[in-house]
Amino acid sequence: MSSGEVVLWVVLGLAAAALLAFAAIVLRFVAKAALSYARRKPLQAVAFFALPGGLAAFTATFFGAGLPLAMGIGLAVGLSVFLLVGMELG
């Protein structure tokens, strides 16, 4: 392995560590706001998670996706909508 490859691997590792640190900081603030919203209005928080997630899972299975894939899509959509709404209203 040449010295140029070592430098590239080190830079790649540092970039990956910086990206993970940034994602952790952003996720911490988003989760804090979403949990604050969920504590104040639990029924609306459940609705903001379950309705878009269920609709996305139904749509995915309707168009031929397997059940595990549809469940993953529904979970991702429901969680993202809940986090966005919680962040805005929390």
C-alpha atoms as a PDB file:
ATOM      1  CA  MET A   1       0.000   0.000   0.000  1.00  0.00           C
ATOM      2  CA  SER A   2       1.471   3.293  -1.010  1.00  0.00           C
ATOM      3  CA  SER A   3       1.523   6.401   1.131  1.00  0.00           C
ATOM      4  CA  GLY A   4      -1.093   8.031  -1.105  1.00  0.00           C
ATOM      5  CA  GLU A   5      -3.556   5.217  -0.414  1.00  0.00           C
ATOM      6  CA  VAL A   6      -2.920   5.475   3.319  1.00  0.00           C
ATOM      7  CA  VAL A   7      -3.633   9.201   3.227  1.00  0.00           C
ATOM      8  CA  LEU A   8      -6.840   8.609   1.286  1.00  0.00           C
ATOM      9  CA  TRP A   9      -8.013   5.958   3.774  1.00  0.00           C
ATOM     10  CA  VAL A  10      -7.254   8.260   6.703  1.00  0.00           C
ATOM     11  CA  VAL A  11      -9.169  11.125   5.080  1.00  0.00           C
ATOM     12  CA  LEU A  12     -12.071   8.785   4.322  1.00  0.00           C
ATOM     13  CA  GLY A  13     -12.132   7.603   7.927  1.00  0.00           C
ATOM     14  CA  LEU A  14     -12.086  11.157   9.254  1.00  0.00           C
ATOM     15  CA  ALA A  15     -14.888  12.161   6.867  1.00  0.00           C
ATOM     16  CA  ALA A  16     -16.983   9.192   7.984  1.00  0.00           C
ATOM     17  CA  ALA A  17     -16.412  10.057  11.661  1.00  0.00           C
ATOM     18  CA  ALA A  18     -17.362  13.698  11.049  1.00  0.00           C
ATOM     19  CA  LEU A  19     -20.514  12.655   9.200  1.00  0.00           C
ATOM     20  CA  LEU A  20     -21.548  10.324  12.017  1.00  0.00           C
ATOM     21  CA  ALA A  21     -20.935  13.033  14.617  1.00  0.00           C
ATOM     22  CA  PHE A  22     -23.012  15.536  12.640  1.00  0.00           C
ATOM     23  CA  ALA A  23     -25.856  13.023  12.217  1.00  0.00           C
ATOM     24  CA  ALA A  24     -25.803  12.252  15.953  1.00  0.00           C
ATOM     25  CA  ILE A  25     -26.024  15.939  16.871  1.00  0.00           C
ATOM     26  CA  VAL A  26     -28.913  16.578  14.468  1.00  0.00           C
ATOM     27  CA  LEU A  27     -30.751  13.423  15.558  1.00  0.00           C
ATOM     28  CA  ARG A  28     -30.403  14.404  19.200  1.00  0.00           C
ATOM     29  CA  PHE A  29     -32.105  17.769  18.647  1.00  0.00           C
ATOM     30  CA  VAL A  30     -34.818  16.289  16.416  1.00  0.00           C
ATOM     31  CA  ALA A  31     -35.549  13.470  18.851  1.00  0.00           C
ATOM     32  CA  LYS A  32     -35.692  15.903  21.776  1.00  0.00           C
ATOM     33  CA  ALA A  33     -38.271  18.062  19.994  1.00  0.00           C
ATOM     34  CA  ALA A  34     -40.292  15.037  18.851  1.00  0.00           C
ATOM     35  CA  LEU A  35     -40.395  13.560  22.352  1.00  0.00           C
ATOM     36  CA  SER A  36     -41.482  16.900  23.772  1.00  0.00           C
ATOM     37  CA  TYR A  37     -44.343  16.956  21.275  1.00  0.00           C
ATOM     38  CA  ALA A  38     -45.255  13.334  22.031  1.00  0.00           C
ATOM     39  CA  ARG A  39     -45.449  14.068  25.759  1.00  0.00           C
ATOM     40  CA  ARG A  40     -47.737  17.064  25.244  1.00  0.00           C
ATOM     41  CA  LYS A  41     -50.048  15.502  22.636  1.00  0.00           C
ATOM     42  CA  PRO A  42     -49.714  11.697  22.656  1.00  0.00           C
ATOM     43  CA  LEU A  43     -52.810  10.948  20.548  1.00  0.00           C
ATOM     44  CA  GLN A  44     -51.797  13.289  17.744  1.00  0.00           C
ATOM     45  CA  ALA A  45     -48.234  11.928  17.840  1.00  0.00           C
ATOM     46  CA  VAL A  46     -49.494   8.368  17.388  1.00  0.00           C
ATOM     47  CA  ALA A  47     -51.715   9.488  14.528  1.00  0.00           C
ATOM     48  CA  PHE A  48     -48.827  11.290  12.819  1.00  0.00           C
ATOM     49  CA  PHE A  49     -46.792   8.071  13.020  1.00  0.00           C
ATOM     50  CA  ALA A  50     -49.436   5.440  12.271  1.00  0.00           C
ATOM     51  CA  LEU A  51     -51.454   6.998   9.454  1.00  0.00           C
ATOM     52  CA  PRO A  52     -48.646   7.843   6.997  1.00  0.00           C
ATOM     53  CA  GLY A  53     -46.790   4.644   7.889  1.00  0.00           C
ATOM     54  CA  GLY A  54     -49.851   2.470   7.384  1.00  0.00           C
ATOM     55  CA  LEU A  55     -50.714   4.185   4.124  1.00  0.00           C
ATOM     56  CA  ALA A  56     -47.168   3.743   2.835  1.00  0.00           C
ATOM     57  CA  ALA A  57     -47.111   0.057   3.823  1.00  0.00           C
ATOM     58  CA  PHE A  58     -50.492  -0.548   2.159  1.00  0.00           C
ATOM     59  CA  THR A  59     -49.395   1.235  -1.009  1.00  0.00           C
ATOM     60  CA  ALA A  60     -46.145  -0.730  -1.158  1.00  0.00           C
ATOM     61  CA  THR A  61     -47.920  -4.088  -0.809  1.00  0.00           C
ATOM     62  CA  PHE A  62     -50.579  -3.024  -3.311  1.00  0.00           C
ATOM     63  CA  PHE A  63     -47.881  -2.409  -5.919  1.00  0.00           C
ATOM     64  CA  GLY A  64     -46.243  -5.775  -5.338  1.00  0.00           C
ATOM     65  CA  ALA A  65     -43.628  -5.266  -2.621  1.00  0.00           C
ATOM     66  CA  GLY A  66     -43.063  -8.101  -0.181  1.00  0.00           C
ATOM     67  CA  LEU A  67     -44.397  -7.778   3.336  1.00  0.00           C
ATOM     68  CA  PRO A  68     -41.031  -7.214   5.091  1.00  0.00           C
ATOM     69  CA  LEU A  69     -40.105  -4.515   2.570  1.00  0.00           C
ATOM     70  CA  ALA A  70     -43.519  -2.875   2.930  1.00  0.00           C
ATOM     71  CA  MET A  71     -43.196  -2.921   6.718  1.00  0.00           C
ATOM     72  CA  GLY A  72     -39.793  -1.260   6.460  1.00  0.00           C
ATOM     73  CA  ILE A  73     -41.124   1.386   4.096  1.00  0.00           C
ATOM     74  CA  GLY A  74     -44.083   2.057   6.397  1.00  0.00           C
ATOM     75  CA  LEU A  75     -41.821   2.323   9.424  1.00  0.00           C
ATOM     76  CA  ALA A  76     -39.443   4.709   7.675  1.00  0.00           C
ATOM     77  CA  VAL A  77     -42.241   6.927   6.349  1.00  0.00           C
ATOM     78  CA  GLY A  78     -44.139   6.988   9.636  1.00  0.00           C
ATOM     79  CA  LEU A  79     -41.045   7.769  11.655  1.00  0.00           C
ATOM     80  CA  SER A  80     -39.895  10.497   9.289  1.00  0.00           C
ATOM     81  CA  VAL A  81     -43.305  12.210   9.286  1.00  0.00           C
ATOM     82  CA  PHE A  82     -43.512  11.945  13.077  1.00  0.00           C
ATOM     83  CA  LEU A  83     -40.035  13.407  13.514  1.00  0.00           C
ATOM     84  CA  LEU A  84     -40.724  16.254  11.100  1.00  0.00           C
ATOM     85  CA  VAL A  85     -44.029  17.165  12.723  1.00  0.00           C
ATOM     86  CA  GLY A  86     -42.609  16.754  16.203  1.00  0.00           C
ATOM     87  CA  MET A  87     -39.638  18.916  15.360  1.00  0.00           C
ATOM     88  CA  GLU A  88     -41.857  21.685  13.965  1.00  0.00           C
ATOM     89  CA  LEU A  89     -44.463  21.601  16.731  1.00  0.00           C
ATOM     90  CA  GLY A  90     -42.271  20.445  19.640  1.00  0.00           C
END
